[in-house]
C-alpha cells in the first residue's frame, strides 16, 4: 500500500506510540490524519506536529472505542479513511487469580479486544469503498505467551491476535491488508513498571508503517520480540516458564519491580 496520499485514522492518539506514528506519517506525505481519543483536550499537543498550517492535516475526533455509538459516529465522520491504525489499548497490570475481582480483566477485554473489533467492523466497508486499504492492529508479544504479572492483559491480547487473523481472512476478498504488530515491552508510560529490555515507540511505529508499505502481515518490532517469537517456535514451554519466573518478585513488589 502507498502511504503517501493516504487518509489515516489512529485510535488512542494520546498514547505513547501515537505521536511517533503521526510524525512519521506526516513525513511520508499522508493527506490527512484523524487523531482520536476520548478526551479531545488531550489531543491538543498533537496539533502542533503538523507545522504546515496551510494543510491542516491533523483532525481531532472524539472517540471511545468501547462505546458502539461513538465508534459509529467516528465512522460516519471519517468516510475517506484508507488506513486504520488501531492503537488504543490499556493494561491494568493484574494477575488472573491475584486480582481482587475480574473488573480489570473485563476492562482490558473491552478496550483491547471488543474495541478493536468494533473499529475493524465499522471501517471495513469504508476501506472497501477505497479499494481495500489497510488495518494496523497494535497488539503485543504477550498475546503469544502470558506474562502472569499482567495475566489478564496478556489474555486480552491473545484474543486480539486471534481476532486479527480472522478479520484478515474475511477481508482478503476486498483486498484489505491486515497487519498484526506484536512488540515486546514498549518504552511508554503504560509499561513504566515492566521489566527491561524495552523497544522504543518510534521503532514500533516505523516497523508497522514499513509493514504496510511492504505488505507484511505480521511484524515483531525490537530485538526482544524477534528473539522471543523465534524461541516460541522451538521451545514454547521454556518461554512460558521463563515468563512465569518473573511472577514471585513482581507480586511481592506490586507493580514496581
C-alpha atoms as a PDB file:
ATOM      1  CA  UNK A   1       0.000   0.000   0.000  1.00  0.00           C
ATOM      2  CA  UNK A   2       1.212   3.528  -0.763  1.00  0.00           C
ATOM      3  CA  UNK A   3       1.147   5.640   2.396  1.00  0.00           C
ATOM      4  CA  UNK A   4       1.788   8.881   0.541  1.00  0.00           C
ATOM      5  CA  UNK A   5      -1.599  10.480  -0.002  1.00  0.00           C
ATOM      6  CA  UNK A   6      -3.375   8.110   2.397  1.00  0.00           C
ATOM      7  CA  UNK A   7      -6.084   9.202   4.816  1.00  0.00           C
ATOM      8  CA  UNK A   8      -5.288   7.733   8.226  1.00  0.00           C
ATOM      9  CA  UNK A   9      -7.294   7.260  11.409  1.00  0.00           C
ATOM     10  CA  UNK A  10      -5.440   6.397  14.602  1.00  0.00           C
ATOM     11  CA  UNK A  11      -7.161   5.432  17.847  1.00  0.00           C
ATOM     12  CA  UNK A  12      -5.632   6.057  21.253  1.00  0.00           C
ATOM     13  CA  UNK A  13      -3.869   9.052  19.744  1.00  0.00           C
ATOM     14  CA  UNK A  14      -2.938  10.447  23.161  1.00  0.00           C
ATOM     15  CA  UNK A  15      -0.872   7.307  23.887  1.00  0.00           C
ATOM     16  CA  UNK A  16       2.891   6.854  23.867  1.00  0.00           C
ATOM     17  CA  UNK A  17       3.261   5.395  20.369  1.00  0.00           C
ATOM     18  CA  UNK A  18       0.796   7.679  18.606  1.00  0.00           C
ATOM     19  CA  UNK A  19       2.952  10.805  18.382  1.00  0.00           C
ATOM     20  CA  UNK A  20       5.650   8.793  16.619  1.00  0.00           C
ATOM     21  CA  UNK A  21       3.103   7.386  14.197  1.00  0.00           C
ATOM     22  CA  UNK A  22       1.871  10.891  13.422  1.00  0.00           C
ATOM     23  CA  UNK A  23       5.344  12.372  12.905  1.00  0.00           C
ATOM     24  CA  UNK A  24       6.306   9.547  10.562  1.00  0.00           C
ATOM     25  CA  UNK A  25       3.014   9.622   8.676  1.00  0.00           C
ATOM     26  CA  UNK A  26       3.399  13.346   8.061  1.00  0.00           C
ATOM     27  CA  UNK A  27       6.909  12.735   6.811  1.00  0.00           C
ATOM     28  CA  UNK A  28       5.600  10.086   4.414  1.00  0.00           C
ATOM     29  CA  UNK A  29       3.192  12.573   2.905  1.00  0.00           C
ATOM     30  CA  UNK A  30      -0.236  11.432   4.067  1.00  0.00           C
ATOM     31  CA  UNK A  31      -3.163  13.607   3.054  1.00  0.00           C
ATOM     32  CA  UNK A  32      -4.927  13.625   6.412  1.00  0.00           C
ATOM     33  CA  UNK A  33      -4.740  12.067   9.882  1.00  0.00           C
ATOM     34  CA  UNK A  34      -7.777  11.700  12.119  1.00  0.00           C
ATOM     35  CA  UNK A  35      -6.418  11.562  15.680  1.00  0.00           C
ATOM     36  CA  UNK A  36      -8.881  10.004  18.119  1.00  0.00           C
ATOM     37  CA  UNK A  37      -9.247   9.954  21.888  1.00  0.00           C
ATOM     38  CA  UNK A  38     -11.990  10.061  24.494  1.00  0.00           C
ATOM     39  CA  UNK A  39     -10.841  13.473  25.721  1.00  0.00           C
ATOM     40  CA  UNK A  40     -10.231  15.951  22.906  1.00  0.00           C
ATOM     41  CA  UNK A  41      -8.210  18.235  25.182  1.00  0.00           C
ATOM     42  CA  UNK A  42      -5.500  15.575  25.374  1.00  0.00           C
ATOM     43  CA  UNK A  43      -5.036  15.805  21.603  1.00  0.00           C
ATOM     44  CA  UNK A  44      -4.023  19.484  21.602  1.00  0.00           C
ATOM     45  CA  UNK A  45      -0.253  18.795  21.688  1.00  0.00           C
ATOM     46  CA  UNK A  46      -0.564  16.660  18.564  1.00  0.00           C
ATOM     47  CA  UNK A  47      -1.934  19.519  16.501  1.00  0.00           C
ATOM     48  CA  UNK A  48       1.456  21.219  16.681  1.00  0.00           C
ATOM     49  CA  UNK A  49       3.103  18.276  14.926  1.00  0.00           C
ATOM     50  CA  UNK A  50       1.779  19.456  11.572  1.00  0.00           C
ATOM     51  CA  UNK A  51       3.864  22.565  11.040  1.00  0.00           C
ATOM     52  CA  UNK A  52       2.416  23.128   7.584  1.00  0.00           C
ATOM     53  CA  UNK A  53      -0.624  25.013   8.832  1.00  0.00           C
ATOM     54  CA  UNK A  54      -1.854  25.621   5.290  1.00  0.00           C
ATOM     55  CA  UNK A  55      -2.826  21.956   5.029  1.00  0.00           C
ATOM     56  CA  UNK A  56      -4.303  21.304   8.493  1.00  0.00           C
ATOM     57  CA  UNK A  57      -3.753  17.595   8.039  1.00  0.00           C
ATOM     58  CA  UNK A  58      -4.344  16.606  11.688  1.00  0.00           C
ATOM     59  CA  UNK A  59      -8.015  16.465  12.632  1.00  0.00           C
ATOM     60  CA  UNK A  60      -9.087  15.625  16.217  1.00  0.00           C
ATOM     61  CA  UNK A  61     -12.017  13.250  16.635  1.00  0.00           C
ATOM     62  CA  UNK A  62     -13.731  12.306  19.892  1.00  0.00           C
ATOM     63  CA  UNK A  63     -13.851   8.517  20.137  1.00  0.00           C
ATOM     64  CA  UNK A  64     -14.402   5.906  22.831  1.00  0.00           C
ATOM     65  CA  UNK A  65     -13.740   2.509  21.249  1.00  0.00           C
ATOM     66  CA  UNK A  66     -15.781   0.793  23.975  1.00  0.00           C
ATOM     67  CA  UNK A  67     -18.895   2.806  23.084  1.00  0.00           C
ATOM     68  CA  UNK A  68     -20.670   1.415  19.979  1.00  0.00           C
ATOM     69  CA  UNK A  69     -22.377   4.714  19.170  1.00  0.00           C
ATOM     70  CA  UNK A  70     -19.100   6.593  19.460  1.00  0.00           C
ATOM     71  CA  UNK A  71     -17.491   4.167  17.002  1.00  0.00           C
ATOM     72  CA  UNK A  72     -20.387   4.583  14.556  1.00  0.00           C
ATOM     73  CA  UNK A  73     -20.159   8.375  14.867  1.00  0.00           C
ATOM     74  CA  UNK A  74     -16.457   8.286  14.043  1.00  0.00           C
ATOM     75  CA  UNK A  75     -17.069   6.057  11.031  1.00  0.00           C
ATOM     76  CA  UNK A  76     -19.770   8.413   9.793  1.00  0.00           C
ATOM     77  CA  UNK A  77     -17.466  11.402  10.188  1.00  0.00           C
ATOM     78  CA  UNK A  78     -14.408   9.773   8.605  1.00  0.00           C
ATOM     79  CA  UNK A  79     -15.687   8.251   5.379  1.00  0.00           C
ATOM     80  CA  UNK A  80     -12.439   8.857   3.471  1.00  0.00           C
ATOM     81  CA  UNK A  81     -10.150   6.663   5.612  1.00  0.00           C
ATOM     82  CA  UNK A  82      -7.795   4.338   3.719  1.00  0.00           C
ATOM     83  CA  UNK A  83      -5.537   3.304   6.633  1.00  0.00           C
ATOM     84  CA  UNK A  84      -6.912   2.412  10.079  1.00  0.00           C
ATOM     85  CA  UNK A  85      -4.407   2.163  12.934  1.00  0.00           C
ATOM     86  CA  UNK A  86      -5.937   0.517  15.995  1.00  0.00           C
ATOM     87  CA  UNK A  87      -3.586   1.866  18.629  1.00  0.00           C
ATOM     88  CA  UNK A  88      -5.928   2.237  21.634  1.00  0.00           C
ATOM     89  CA  UNK A  89      -5.101  -0.135  24.464  1.00  0.00           C
ATOM     90  CA  UNK A  90      -4.985  -0.480  28.218  1.00  0.00           C
ATOM     91  CA  UNK A  91      -3.101  -2.534  30.773  1.00  0.00           C
ATOM     92  CA  UNK A  92      -4.029  -2.641  34.448  1.00  0.00           C
ATOM     93  CA  UNK A  93      -1.145  -4.946  35.487  1.00  0.00           C
ATOM     94  CA  UNK A  94      -3.270  -7.527  37.257  1.00  0.00           C
ATOM     95  CA  UNK A  95      -2.872 -11.250  37.682  1.00  0.00           C
ATOM     96  CA  UNK A  96      -5.680 -13.608  36.813  1.00  0.00           C
ATOM     97  CA  UNK A  97      -6.045 -15.117  40.303  1.00  0.00           C
ATOM     98  CA  UNK A  98      -4.259 -12.469  42.383  1.00  0.00           C
ATOM     99  CA  UNK A  99      -6.618  -9.680  41.266  1.00  0.00           C
ATOM    100  CA  UNK A 100      -9.289  -8.818  43.818  1.00  0.00           C
ATOM    101  CA  UNK A 101     -12.015  -9.217  41.168  1.00  0.00           C
ATOM    102  CA  UNK A 102     -12.351  -9.612  37.397  1.00  0.00           C
ATOM    103  CA  UNK A 103     -13.170  -5.973  36.689  1.00  0.00           C
ATOM    104  CA  UNK A 104      -9.693  -5.266  35.312  1.00  0.00           C
ATOM    105  CA  UNK A 105      -9.915  -8.283  33.014  1.00  0.00           C
ATOM    106  CA  UNK A 106     -13.274  -7.097  31.689  1.00  0.00           C
ATOM    107  CA  UNK A 107     -11.920  -3.583  31.145  1.00  0.00           C
ATOM    108  CA  UNK A 108      -8.911  -4.844  29.200  1.00  0.00           C
ATOM    109  CA  UNK A 109     -11.078  -7.071  27.039  1.00  0.00           C
ATOM    110  CA  UNK A 110     -13.473  -4.189  26.337  1.00  0.00           C
ATOM    111  CA  UNK A 111     -10.658  -1.972  25.053  1.00  0.00           C
ATOM    112  CA  UNK A 112      -8.076  -4.388  23.681  1.00  0.00           C
ATOM    113  CA  UNK A 113     -10.426  -6.902  22.053  1.00  0.00           C
ATOM    114  CA  UNK A 114     -14.005  -5.664  21.680  1.00  0.00           C
ATOM    115  CA  UNK A 115     -12.967  -2.067  20.992  1.00  0.00           C
ATOM    116  CA  UNK A 116     -10.519  -3.134  18.297  1.00  0.00           C
ATOM    117  CA  UNK A 117     -13.062  -5.490  16.751  1.00  0.00           C
ATOM    118  CA  UNK A 118     -15.692  -2.738  16.719  1.00  0.00           C
ATOM    119  CA  UNK A 119     -13.313  -0.452  14.829  1.00  0.00           C
ATOM    120  CA  UNK A 120     -12.498  -3.155  12.285  1.00  0.00           C
ATOM    121  CA  UNK A 121     -16.188  -3.829  11.711  1.00  0.00           C
ATOM    122  CA  UNK A 122     -17.116  -0.145  11.392  1.00  0.00           C
ATOM    123  CA  UNK A 123     -14.323   0.759   8.984  1.00  0.00           C
ATOM    124  CA  UNK A 124     -14.167  -2.385   6.821  1.00  0.00           C
ATOM    125  CA  UNK A 125     -16.918  -1.076   4.469  1.00  0.00           C
ATOM    126  CA  UNK A 126     -15.168   2.289   4.231  1.00  0.00           C
ATOM    127  CA  UNK A 127     -11.864   0.682   3.315  1.00  0.00           C
ATOM    128  CA  UNK A 128     -13.640  -1.427   0.715  1.00  0.00           C
ATOM    129  CA  UNK A 129     -15.013   1.713  -0.930  1.00  0.00           C
ATOM    130  CA  UNK A 130     -11.441   2.942  -1.374  1.00  0.00           C
ATOM    131  CA  UNK A 131     -10.001  -0.216  -2.900  1.00  0.00           C
ATOM    132  CA  UNK A 132      -9.179  -2.170   0.256  1.00  0.00           C
ATOM    133  CA  UNK A 133      -6.678  -0.073   2.150  1.00  0.00           C
ATOM    134  CA  UNK A 134      -5.108  -1.428   5.312  1.00  0.00           C
ATOM    135  CA  UNK A 135      -5.722  -2.042   9.004  1.00  0.00           C
ATOM    136  CA  UNK A 136      -2.847  -1.988  11.500  1.00  0.00           C
ATOM    137  CA  UNK A 137      -3.596  -3.602  14.857  1.00  0.00           C
ATOM    138  CA  UNK A 138      -1.153  -2.737  17.644  1.00  0.00           C
ATOM    139  CA  UNK A 139      -1.012  -5.962  19.629  1.00  0.00           C
ATOM    140  CA  UNK A 140       1.664  -7.442  21.876  1.00  0.00           C
ATOM    141  CA  UNK A 141       4.109 -10.313  22.051  1.00  0.00           C
ATOM    142  CA  UNK A 142       2.329 -11.126  25.327  1.00  0.00           C
ATOM    143  CA  UNK A 143      -0.587 -12.316  23.226  1.00  0.00           C
ATOM    144  CA  UNK A 144       1.712 -15.164  22.198  1.00  0.00           C
ATOM    145  CA  UNK A 145       2.864 -16.057  25.708  1.00  0.00           C
ATOM    146  CA  UNK A 146       1.329 -14.967  29.006  1.00  0.00           C
ATOM    147  CA  UNK A 147       3.205 -12.740  31.443  1.00  0.00           C
ATOM    148  CA  UNK A 148       1.406 -13.687  34.693  1.00  0.00           C
ATOM    149  CA  UNK A 149       2.276 -10.343  36.296  1.00  0.00           C
ATOM    150  CA  UNK A 150      -0.134  -8.867  33.748  1.00  0.00           C
ATOM    151  CA  UNK A 151      -2.085 -12.012  33.034  1.00  0.00           C
ATOM    152  CA  UNK A 152      -5.435 -10.543  32.042  1.00  0.00           C
ATOM    153  CA  UNK A 153      -3.763  -8.050  29.688  1.00  0.00           C
ATOM    154  CA  UNK A 154      -1.897 -10.925  28.036  1.00  0.00           C
ATOM    155  CA  UNK A 155      -5.162 -12.824  27.645  1.00  0.00           C
ATOM    156  CA  UNK A 156      -6.859  -9.824  26.018  1.00  0.00           C
ATOM    157  CA  UNK A 157      -4.006  -9.500  23.541  1.00  0.00           C
ATOM    158  CA  UNK A 158      -4.179 -13.220  22.769  1.00  0.00           C
ATOM    159  CA  UNK A 159      -7.843 -12.764  21.900  1.00  0.00           C
ATOM    160  CA  UNK A 160      -6.975  -9.743  19.762  1.00  0.00           C
ATOM    161  CA  UNK A 161      -4.315 -11.678  17.838  1.00  0.00           C
ATOM    162  CA  UNK A 162      -6.808 -14.430  17.039  1.00  0.00           C
ATOM    163  CA  UNK A 163      -9.382 -11.807  16.057  1.00  0.00           C
ATOM    164  CA  UNK A 164      -6.848 -10.142  13.766  1.00  0.00           C
ATOM    165  CA  UNK A 165      -6.271 -13.415  11.942  1.00  0.00           C
ATOM    166  CA  UNK A 166      -9.997 -13.903  11.476  1.00  0.00           C
ATOM    167  CA  UNK A 167     -10.549 -10.334  10.254  1.00  0.00           C
ATOM    168  CA  UNK A 168      -7.631 -10.757   7.847  1.00  0.00           C
ATOM    169  CA  UNK A 169      -9.223 -13.845   6.344  1.00  0.00           C
ATOM    170  CA  UNK A 170     -12.647 -12.233   5.988  1.00  0.00           C
ATOM    171  CA  UNK A 171     -11.317  -9.018   4.433  1.00  0.00           C
ATOM    172  CA  UNK A 172      -8.950 -10.681   1.988  1.00  0.00           C
ATOM    173  CA  UNK A 173     -11.721 -10.736  -0.622  1.00  0.00           C
ATOM    174  CA  UNK A 174     -11.887  -6.924  -0.552  1.00  0.00           C
ATOM    175  CA  UNK A 175      -8.069  -6.670  -0.721  1.00  0.00           C
ATOM    176  CA  UNK A 176      -7.647  -5.119   2.733  1.00  0.00           C
ATOM    177  CA  UNK A 177      -4.206  -5.684   4.210  1.00  0.00           C
ATOM    178  CA  UNK A 178      -4.427  -6.508   7.941  1.00  0.00           C
ATOM    179  CA  UNK A 179      -1.153  -6.070   9.822  1.00  0.00           C
ATOM    180  CA  UNK A 180      -0.539  -7.533  13.287  1.00  0.00           C
ATOM    181  CA  UNK A 181       2.139  -5.590  15.188  1.00  0.00           C
ATOM    182  CA  UNK A 182       3.498  -7.583  18.126  1.00  0.00           C
ATOM    183  CA  UNK A 183       6.268  -5.774  20.009  1.00  0.00           C
ATOM    184  CA  UNK A 184       7.656  -6.824  23.342  1.00  0.00           C
ATOM    185  CA  UNK A 185       7.652  -4.252  26.134  1.00  0.00           C
ATOM    186  CA  UNK A 186       7.365  -0.769  24.642  1.00  0.00           C
ATOM    187  CA  UNK A 187       9.033   2.126  26.458  1.00  0.00           C
ATOM    188  CA  UNK A 188       5.872   4.108  27.238  1.00  0.00           C
ATOM    189  CA  UNK A 189       4.059   5.269  30.369  1.00  0.00           C
ATOM    190  CA  UNK A 190       1.811   2.205  30.142  1.00  0.00           C
ATOM    191  CA  UNK A 191       4.801  -0.095  30.737  1.00  0.00           C
ATOM    192  CA  UNK A 192       6.902   2.090  33.011  1.00  0.00           C
ATOM    193  CA  UNK A 193       6.970  -0.576  35.741  1.00  0.00           C
ATOM    194  CA  UNK A 194       7.605  -3.525  33.431  1.00  0.00           C
ATOM    195  CA  UNK A 195      10.997  -5.236  33.194  1.00  0.00           C
ATOM    196  CA  UNK A 196      13.597  -4.354  30.575  1.00  0.00           C
ATOM    197  CA  UNK A 197      14.502  -4.608  27.745  1.00  0.00           C
ATOM    198  CA  UNK A 198      12.063  -2.210  26.110  1.00  0.00           C
ATOM    199  CA  UNK A 199      11.636  -1.199  22.484  1.00  0.00           C
ATOM    200  CA  UNK A 200      11.455   2.478  21.519  1.00  0.00           C
ATOM    201  CA  UNK A 201       7.940   3.545  20.471  1.00  0.00           C
ATOM    202  CA  UNK A 202       9.397   5.187  17.338  1.00  0.00           C
ATOM    203  CA  UNK A 203      10.690   1.782  16.250  1.00  0.00           C
ATOM    204  CA  UNK A 204       7.248   0.232  16.732  1.00  0.00           C
ATOM    205  CA  UNK A 205       5.701   2.922  14.542  1.00  0.00           C
ATOM    206  CA  UNK A 206       8.321   2.651  11.810  1.00  0.00           C
ATOM    207  CA  UNK A 207       8.139  -1.147  11.738  1.00  0.00           C
ATOM    208  CA  UNK A 208       4.350  -1.024  11.458  1.00  0.00           C
ATOM    209  CA  UNK A 209       4.366   1.509   8.627  1.00  0.00           C
ATOM    210  CA  UNK A 210       7.086  -0.348   6.753  1.00  0.00           C
ATOM    211  CA  UNK A 211       4.949  -3.495   7.020  1.00  0.00           C
ATOM    212  CA  UNK A 212       2.077  -1.621   5.378  1.00  0.00           C
ATOM    213  CA  UNK A 213       4.355  -0.459   2.562  1.00  0.00           C
ATOM    214  CA  UNK A 214       5.816  -3.941   2.054  1.00  0.00           C
ATOM    215  CA  UNK A 215       2.546  -5.850   2.510  1.00  0.00           C
ATOM    216  CA  UNK A 216       3.823  -7.808   5.525  1.00  0.00           C
ATOM    217  CA  UNK A 217       1.085  -9.271   7.720  1.00  0.00           C
ATOM    218  CA  UNK A 218       2.956  -9.995  10.978  1.00  0.00           C
ATOM    219  CA  UNK A 219       5.728  -7.851  12.411  1.00  0.00           C
ATOM    220  CA  UNK A 220       7.720  -8.144  15.659  1.00  0.00           C
ATOM    221  CA  UNK A 221       9.399  -4.784  16.373  1.00  0.00           C
ATOM    222  CA  UNK A 222      12.524  -4.805  18.510  1.00  0.00           C
ATOM    223  CA  UNK A 223      15.149  -7.358  19.428  1.00  0.00           C
ATOM    224  CA  UNK A 224      13.156  -8.758  22.356  1.00  0.00           C
ATOM    225  CA  UNK A 225      10.109  -9.531  20.231  1.00  0.00           C
ATOM    226  CA  UNK A 226      12.208 -11.060  17.455  1.00  0.00           C
ATOM    227  CA  UNK A 227      14.085 -13.316  19.862  1.00  0.00           C
ATOM    228  CA  UNK A 228      11.081 -14.475  21.879  1.00  0.00           C
ATOM    229  CA  UNK A 229       8.941 -15.114  18.795  1.00  0.00           C
ATOM    230  CA  UNK A 230      11.736 -17.298  17.406  1.00  0.00           C
ATOM    231  CA  UNK A 231      12.081 -19.135  20.731  1.00  0.00           C
ATOM    232  CA  UNK A 232       8.352 -19.796  20.794  1.00  0.00           C
ATOM    233  CA  UNK A 233       8.782 -21.863  17.630  1.00  0.00           C
ATOM    234  CA  UNK A 234      11.462 -24.079  19.154  1.00  0.00           C
ATOM    235  CA  UNK A 235      10.757 -24.119  22.901  1.00  0.00           C
ATOM    236  CA  UNK A 236       7.313 -22.703  23.744  1.00  0.00           C
ATOM    237  CA  UNK A 237       7.219 -24.359  27.160  1.00  0.00           C
ATOM    238  CA  UNK A 238      10.596 -22.904  28.031  1.00  0.00           C
ATOM    239  CA  UNK A 239       9.375 -19.402  27.143  1.00  0.00           C
ATOM    240  CA  UNK A 240       6.235 -19.935  29.229  1.00  0.00           C
ATOM    241  CA  UNK A 241       8.303 -20.938  32.263  1.00  0.00           C
ATOM    242  CA  UNK A 242      10.652 -18.000  31.738  1.00  0.00           C
ATOM    243  CA  UNK A 243       7.731 -15.554  31.776  1.00  0.00           C
ATOM    244  CA  UNK A 244       6.348 -17.227  34.894  1.00  0.00           C
ATOM    245  CA  UNK A 245       9.706 -16.741  36.639  1.00  0.00           C
ATOM    246  CA  UNK A 246       9.027 -13.008  36.875  1.00  0.00           C
ATOM    247  CA  UNK A 247       5.900 -13.562  38.936  1.00  0.00           C
ATOM    248  CA  UNK A 248       7.067 -14.029  42.574  1.00  0.00           C
ATOM    249  CA  UNK A 249       9.245 -10.918  42.768  1.00  0.00           C
ATOM    250  CA  UNK A 250       6.768  -8.782  40.907  1.00  0.00           C
ATOM    251  CA  UNK A 251       3.818  -9.864  43.008  1.00  0.00           C
ATOM    252  CA  UNK A 252       5.721  -9.081  46.216  1.00  0.00           C
ATOM    253  CA  UNK A 253       6.742  -5.670  44.918  1.00  0.00           C
ATOM    254  CA  UNK A 254       3.363  -4.804  43.440  1.00  0.00           C
ATOM    255  CA  UNK A 255       3.881  -3.128  40.067  1.00  0.00           C
ATOM    256  CA  UNK A 256       7.230  -1.567  40.923  1.00  0.00           C
ATOM    257  CA  UNK A 257       9.539  -4.499  40.173  1.00  0.00           C
END
